[in-house]
C-alpha cells in the first residue's frame, strides 16, 4: 500500500543542502528495495512529498524515521496518509 508523507523542513537551506546527498542515497536504497513510489521537494523550500510503499502507516513512519533528514533534524513535522494512485500522465512522472 502507498503512504504519502507531506514533510516540513527546517528553514536553514544550507543545512538541508549539506545533508541532502545522504538523504538522496537513502531514497535511492528505498527505491531499489521497492519501498519508494516517488519523492521530491517542494520548490518553495517548505519540504517534500514522499510516497512510501509499506504495509502499515507505522511501517511508513519507521521508513521516514530511518532517513538521514530525520536523524539530522531536517524534518520538522510530517503527516502520513494512505494514498491511492488513480491517474498517471502518459510516460509517468518525470524527473528534473
N, C-alpha and C. Protein backbone atom coordinates (compact mmCIF):
# COMPACT_ATOMS: atom_id res chain seq x y z
N UNK A 1 0.85 -1.17 0.00
CA UNK A 1 0.00 0.00 0.00
C UNK A 1 0.90 1.23 0.00
N UNK A 2 0.40 2.30 -0.62
CA UNK A 2 1.16 3.54 -0.67
C UNK A 2 0.74 4.46 0.48
N UNK A 3 1.75 5.13 1.05
CA UNK A 3 1.53 6.12 2.09
C UNK A 3 2.26 7.39 1.69
N UNK A 4 1.51 8.49 1.58
CA UNK A 4 2.10 9.77 1.21
C UNK A 4 2.45 10.55 2.47
N UNK A 5 3.68 11.03 2.52
CA UNK A 5 4.13 11.86 3.63
C UNK A 5 4.37 13.28 3.11
N UNK A 6 3.67 14.23 3.69
CA UNK A 6 3.93 15.64 3.43
C UNK A 6 4.80 16.10 4.59
N UNK A 7 6.02 16.52 4.27
CA UNK A 7 7.04 16.76 5.28
C UNK A 7 7.49 18.21 5.24
N UNK A 8 7.55 18.84 6.41
CA UNK A 8 8.08 20.19 6.53
C UNK A 8 9.54 20.13 6.98
N UNK A 9 10.38 20.96 6.36
CA UNK A 9 11.81 21.02 6.69
C UNK A 9 12.10 22.22 7.59
N UNK A 10 13.27 22.20 8.20
CA UNK A 10 13.79 23.37 8.89
C UNK A 10 14.02 24.46 7.84
N UNK A 11 14.03 25.74 8.24
CA UNK A 11 14.22 26.80 7.25
C UNK A 11 15.68 27.03 6.84
N UNK A 12 16.62 26.32 7.44
CA UNK A 12 18.05 26.51 7.15
C UNK A 12 18.43 25.76 5.87
N UNK A 13 18.35 26.45 4.73
CA UNK A 13 18.58 25.83 3.42
C UNK A 13 20.00 25.28 3.30
N UNK A 14 20.98 25.97 3.87
CA UNK A 14 22.37 25.48 3.82
C UNK A 14 22.50 24.15 4.54
N UNK A 15 21.86 24.01 5.68
CA UNK A 15 21.89 22.74 6.44
C UNK A 15 21.19 21.64 5.65
N UNK A 16 20.05 21.95 5.07
CA UNK A 16 19.32 20.97 4.25
C UNK A 16 20.22 20.50 3.11
N UNK A 17 20.85 21.44 2.41
CA UNK A 17 21.71 21.09 1.28
C UNK A 17 22.92 20.27 1.71
N UNK A 18 23.42 20.50 2.91
CA UNK A 18 24.58 19.74 3.40
C UNK A 18 24.24 18.27 3.62
N UNK A 19 23.03 17.99 4.05
CA UNK A 19 22.62 16.62 4.37
C UNK A 19 21.97 15.93 3.15
N UNK A 20 21.57 16.72 2.16
CA UNK A 20 20.81 16.19 1.02
C UNK A 20 21.48 14.99 0.33
N UNK A 21 22.81 14.97 0.11
CA UNK A 21 23.39 13.79 -0.56
C UNK A 21 23.11 12.48 0.19
N UNK A 22 23.20 12.48 1.51
CA UNK A 22 22.91 11.26 2.30
C UNK A 22 21.43 10.91 2.24
N UNK A 23 20.58 11.93 2.25
CA UNK A 23 19.13 11.74 2.12
C UNK A 23 18.81 11.07 0.78
N UNK A 24 19.42 11.56 -0.29
CA UNK A 24 19.16 11.01 -1.62
C UNK A 24 19.70 9.59 -1.76
N UNK A 25 20.82 9.30 -1.13
CA UNK A 25 21.33 7.92 -1.11
C UNK A 25 20.32 7.00 -0.42
N UNK A 26 19.75 7.46 0.68
CA UNK A 26 18.75 6.67 1.41
C UNK A 26 17.53 6.43 0.52
N UNK A 27 17.04 7.48 -0.13
CA UNK A 27 15.88 7.32 -1.01
C UNK A 27 16.18 6.37 -2.16
N UNK A 28 17.39 6.44 -2.70
CA UNK A 28 17.80 5.52 -3.77
C UNK A 28 17.74 4.08 -3.27
N UNK A 29 18.20 3.84 -2.05
CA UNK A 29 18.15 2.48 -1.50
C UNK A 29 16.71 2.02 -1.31
N UNK A 30 15.83 2.93 -0.90
CA UNK A 30 14.41 2.57 -0.78
C UNK A 30 13.81 2.22 -2.13
N UNK A 31 14.17 2.99 -3.14
CA UNK A 31 13.68 2.73 -4.49
C UNK A 31 14.12 1.33 -4.95
N UNK A 32 15.37 1.01 -4.71
CA UNK A 32 15.90 -0.30 -5.10
C UNK A 32 15.23 -1.44 -4.35
N UNK A 33 14.76 -1.18 -3.13
CA UNK A 33 14.09 -2.20 -2.31
C UNK A 33 12.58 -2.26 -2.57
N UNK A 34 12.07 -1.38 -3.43
CA UNK A 34 10.64 -1.35 -3.69
C UNK A 34 9.83 -0.68 -2.60
N UNK A 35 10.47 0.15 -1.78
CA UNK A 35 9.79 0.82 -0.67
C UNK A 35 9.50 2.29 -0.93
N UNK A 36 9.77 2.75 -2.17
CA UNK A 36 9.55 4.14 -2.52
C UNK A 36 8.81 4.20 -3.84
N UNK A 37 7.68 4.92 -3.86
CA UNK A 37 6.92 5.11 -5.10
C UNK A 37 7.39 6.36 -5.83
N UNK A 38 7.54 7.46 -5.11
CA UNK A 38 8.04 8.71 -5.69
C UNK A 38 8.40 9.66 -4.55
N UNK A 39 9.23 10.65 -4.89
CA UNK A 39 9.65 11.62 -3.88
C UNK A 39 10.17 12.86 -4.57
N UNK A 40 10.02 13.99 -3.93
CA UNK A 40 10.58 15.22 -4.43
C UNK A 40 10.28 16.38 -3.52
N UNK A 41 11.16 17.40 -3.56
CA UNK A 41 10.96 18.57 -2.71
C UNK A 41 9.96 19.55 -3.30
N UNK A 42 9.32 20.31 -2.43
CA UNK A 42 8.51 21.43 -2.88
C UNK A 42 9.47 22.55 -3.28
N UNK A 43 9.16 23.26 -4.33
CA UNK A 43 10.08 24.26 -4.87
C UNK A 43 10.14 25.55 -4.05
N UNK A 44 9.29 25.68 -3.04
CA UNK A 44 9.33 26.86 -2.18
C UNK A 44 10.12 26.62 -0.90
N UNK A 45 10.88 25.52 -0.86
CA UNK A 45 11.72 25.14 0.29
C UNK A 45 10.92 24.77 1.54
N UNK A 46 9.61 24.53 1.38
CA UNK A 46 8.79 24.12 2.52
C UNK A 46 9.22 22.76 3.05
N UNK A 47 9.47 21.83 2.13
CA UNK A 47 9.76 20.45 2.50
C UNK A 47 9.61 19.56 1.30
N UNK A 48 8.93 18.41 1.49
CA UNK A 48 8.85 17.44 0.40
C UNK A 48 7.59 16.60 0.51
N UNK A 49 7.31 15.94 -0.60
CA UNK A 49 6.31 14.88 -0.66
C UNK A 49 7.06 13.60 -0.95
N UNK A 50 6.88 12.61 -0.09
CA UNK A 50 7.49 11.29 -0.31
C UNK A 50 6.37 10.26 -0.20
N UNK A 51 6.27 9.40 -1.21
CA UNK A 51 5.26 8.33 -1.20
C UNK A 51 5.99 7.01 -1.00
N UNK A 52 5.73 6.41 0.15
CA UNK A 52 6.36 5.14 0.53
C UNK A 52 5.47 3.97 0.16
N UNK A 53 6.09 2.82 -0.10
CA UNK A 53 5.39 1.54 -0.22
C UNK A 53 5.60 0.83 1.11
N UNK A 54 4.50 0.60 1.84
CA UNK A 54 4.60 -0.02 3.17
C UNK A 54 3.31 -0.77 3.47
N UNK A 55 3.39 -1.70 4.40
CA UNK A 55 2.21 -2.49 4.77
C UNK A 55 1.28 -1.73 5.71
N UNK A 56 1.83 -0.83 6.52
CA UNK A 56 1.05 -0.11 7.52
C UNK A 56 1.57 1.33 7.63
N UNK A 57 0.77 2.23 8.21
CA UNK A 57 1.27 3.58 8.42
C UNK A 57 2.47 3.60 9.37
N UNK A 58 2.48 2.67 10.32
CA UNK A 58 3.60 2.59 11.25
C UNK A 58 4.90 2.22 10.53
N UNK A 59 4.79 1.31 9.57
CA UNK A 59 5.96 0.94 8.78
C UNK A 59 6.44 2.13 7.94
N UNK A 60 5.51 2.87 7.36
CA UNK A 60 5.87 4.05 6.57
C UNK A 60 6.59 5.06 7.46
N UNK A 61 6.10 5.26 8.67
CA UNK A 61 6.75 6.21 9.58
C UNK A 61 8.14 5.71 10.00
N UNK A 62 8.28 4.42 10.18
CA UNK A 62 9.60 3.86 10.51
C UNK A 62 10.58 4.10 9.36
N UNK A 63 10.11 3.96 8.12
CA UNK A 63 10.96 4.23 6.96
C UNK A 63 11.36 5.71 6.97
N UNK A 64 10.39 6.60 7.20
CA UNK A 64 10.68 8.02 7.28
C UNK A 64 11.73 8.30 8.35
N UNK A 65 11.57 7.68 9.52
CA UNK A 65 12.50 7.93 10.62
C UNK A 65 13.88 7.33 10.39
N UNK A 66 14.03 6.46 9.39
CA UNK A 66 15.33 5.93 9.03
C UNK A 66 16.11 6.86 8.11
N UNK A 67 15.47 7.91 7.66
CA UNK A 67 16.06 8.87 6.71
C UNK A 67 17.07 9.77 7.43
N UNK A 68 18.24 10.01 6.84
CA UNK A 68 19.19 10.95 7.43
C UNK A 68 18.58 12.34 7.66
N UNK A 69 17.62 12.76 6.86
CA UNK A 69 16.97 14.04 7.10
C UNK A 69 16.24 14.02 8.45
N UNK A 70 15.75 12.86 8.86
CA UNK A 70 15.11 12.77 10.18
C UNK A 70 16.17 12.79 11.27
N UNK A 71 17.17 11.93 11.17
CA UNK A 71 18.18 11.84 12.23
C UNK A 71 19.00 13.12 12.38
N UNK A 72 19.11 13.90 11.30
CA UNK A 72 19.87 15.15 11.35
C UNK A 72 18.99 16.36 11.65
N UNK A 73 17.71 16.11 11.97
CA UNK A 73 16.82 17.20 12.38
C UNK A 73 16.29 18.09 11.27
N UNK A 74 16.36 17.62 10.02
CA UNK A 74 15.84 18.40 8.90
C UNK A 74 14.32 18.35 8.87
N UNK A 75 13.75 17.17 9.14
CA UNK A 75 12.30 17.02 9.16
C UNK A 75 11.76 17.66 10.45
N UNK A 76 10.90 18.66 10.30
CA UNK A 76 10.30 19.34 11.45
C UNK A 76 9.02 18.63 11.88
N UNK A 77 8.15 18.40 10.90
CA UNK A 77 6.89 17.69 11.17
C UNK A 77 6.41 17.06 9.88
N UNK A 78 5.52 16.09 10.02
CA UNK A 78 5.03 15.38 8.84
C UNK A 78 3.65 14.83 9.11
N UNK A 79 2.97 14.56 8.02
CA UNK A 79 1.68 13.88 8.05
C UNK A 79 1.79 12.71 7.07
N UNK A 80 1.40 11.54 7.52
CA UNK A 80 1.41 10.35 6.67
C UNK A 80 -0.02 9.88 6.49
N UNK A 81 -0.39 9.73 5.22
CA UNK A 81 -1.76 9.31 4.91
C UNK A 81 -1.74 8.23 3.84
N UNK A 82 -2.67 7.27 3.93
CA UNK A 82 -2.77 6.28 2.86
C UNK A 82 -3.11 6.98 1.55
N UNK A 83 -2.50 6.51 0.48
CA UNK A 83 -2.64 7.19 -0.81
C UNK A 83 -2.87 6.18 -1.91
N UNK A 84 -3.76 6.51 -2.84
CA UNK A 84 -4.11 5.62 -3.95
C UNK A 84 -3.81 6.32 -5.27
N UNK A 85 -3.05 5.69 -6.12
CA UNK A 85 -2.79 6.22 -7.45
C UNK A 85 -4.02 5.97 -8.31
N UNK A 86 -4.56 7.02 -8.90
CA UNK A 86 -5.71 6.89 -9.78
C UNK A 86 -5.32 7.26 -11.21
N UNK A 87 -4.61 8.36 -11.38
CA UNK A 87 -4.19 8.80 -12.69
C UNK A 87 -2.69 9.04 -12.70
N UNK A 88 -2.06 8.67 -13.79
CA UNK A 88 -0.66 9.00 -14.05
C UNK A 88 -0.58 9.43 -15.50
N UNK A 89 0.07 10.53 -15.76
CA UNK A 89 0.20 11.03 -17.13
C UNK A 89 0.97 10.02 -17.98
N UNK A 90 0.70 9.99 -19.28
CA UNK A 90 1.48 9.11 -20.16
C UNK A 90 2.98 9.36 -19.96
N UNK A 91 3.72 8.31 -19.82
CA UNK A 91 5.15 8.45 -19.55
C UNK A 91 5.45 8.52 -18.06
N UNK A 92 4.41 8.55 -17.24
CA UNK A 92 4.62 8.57 -15.79
C UNK A 92 5.16 9.90 -15.30
N UNK A 93 5.68 9.86 -14.10
CA UNK A 93 6.30 11.05 -13.51
C UNK A 93 7.67 11.24 -14.12
N UNK A 94 8.07 12.48 -14.28
CA UNK A 94 9.38 12.75 -14.84
C UNK A 94 10.27 13.37 -13.77
N UNK A 95 11.56 13.25 -13.94
CA UNK A 95 12.49 13.86 -13.01
C UNK A 95 13.11 15.09 -13.66
N UNK A 96 13.48 16.00 -12.81
CA UNK A 96 14.11 17.23 -13.33
C UNK A 96 15.53 17.32 -12.86
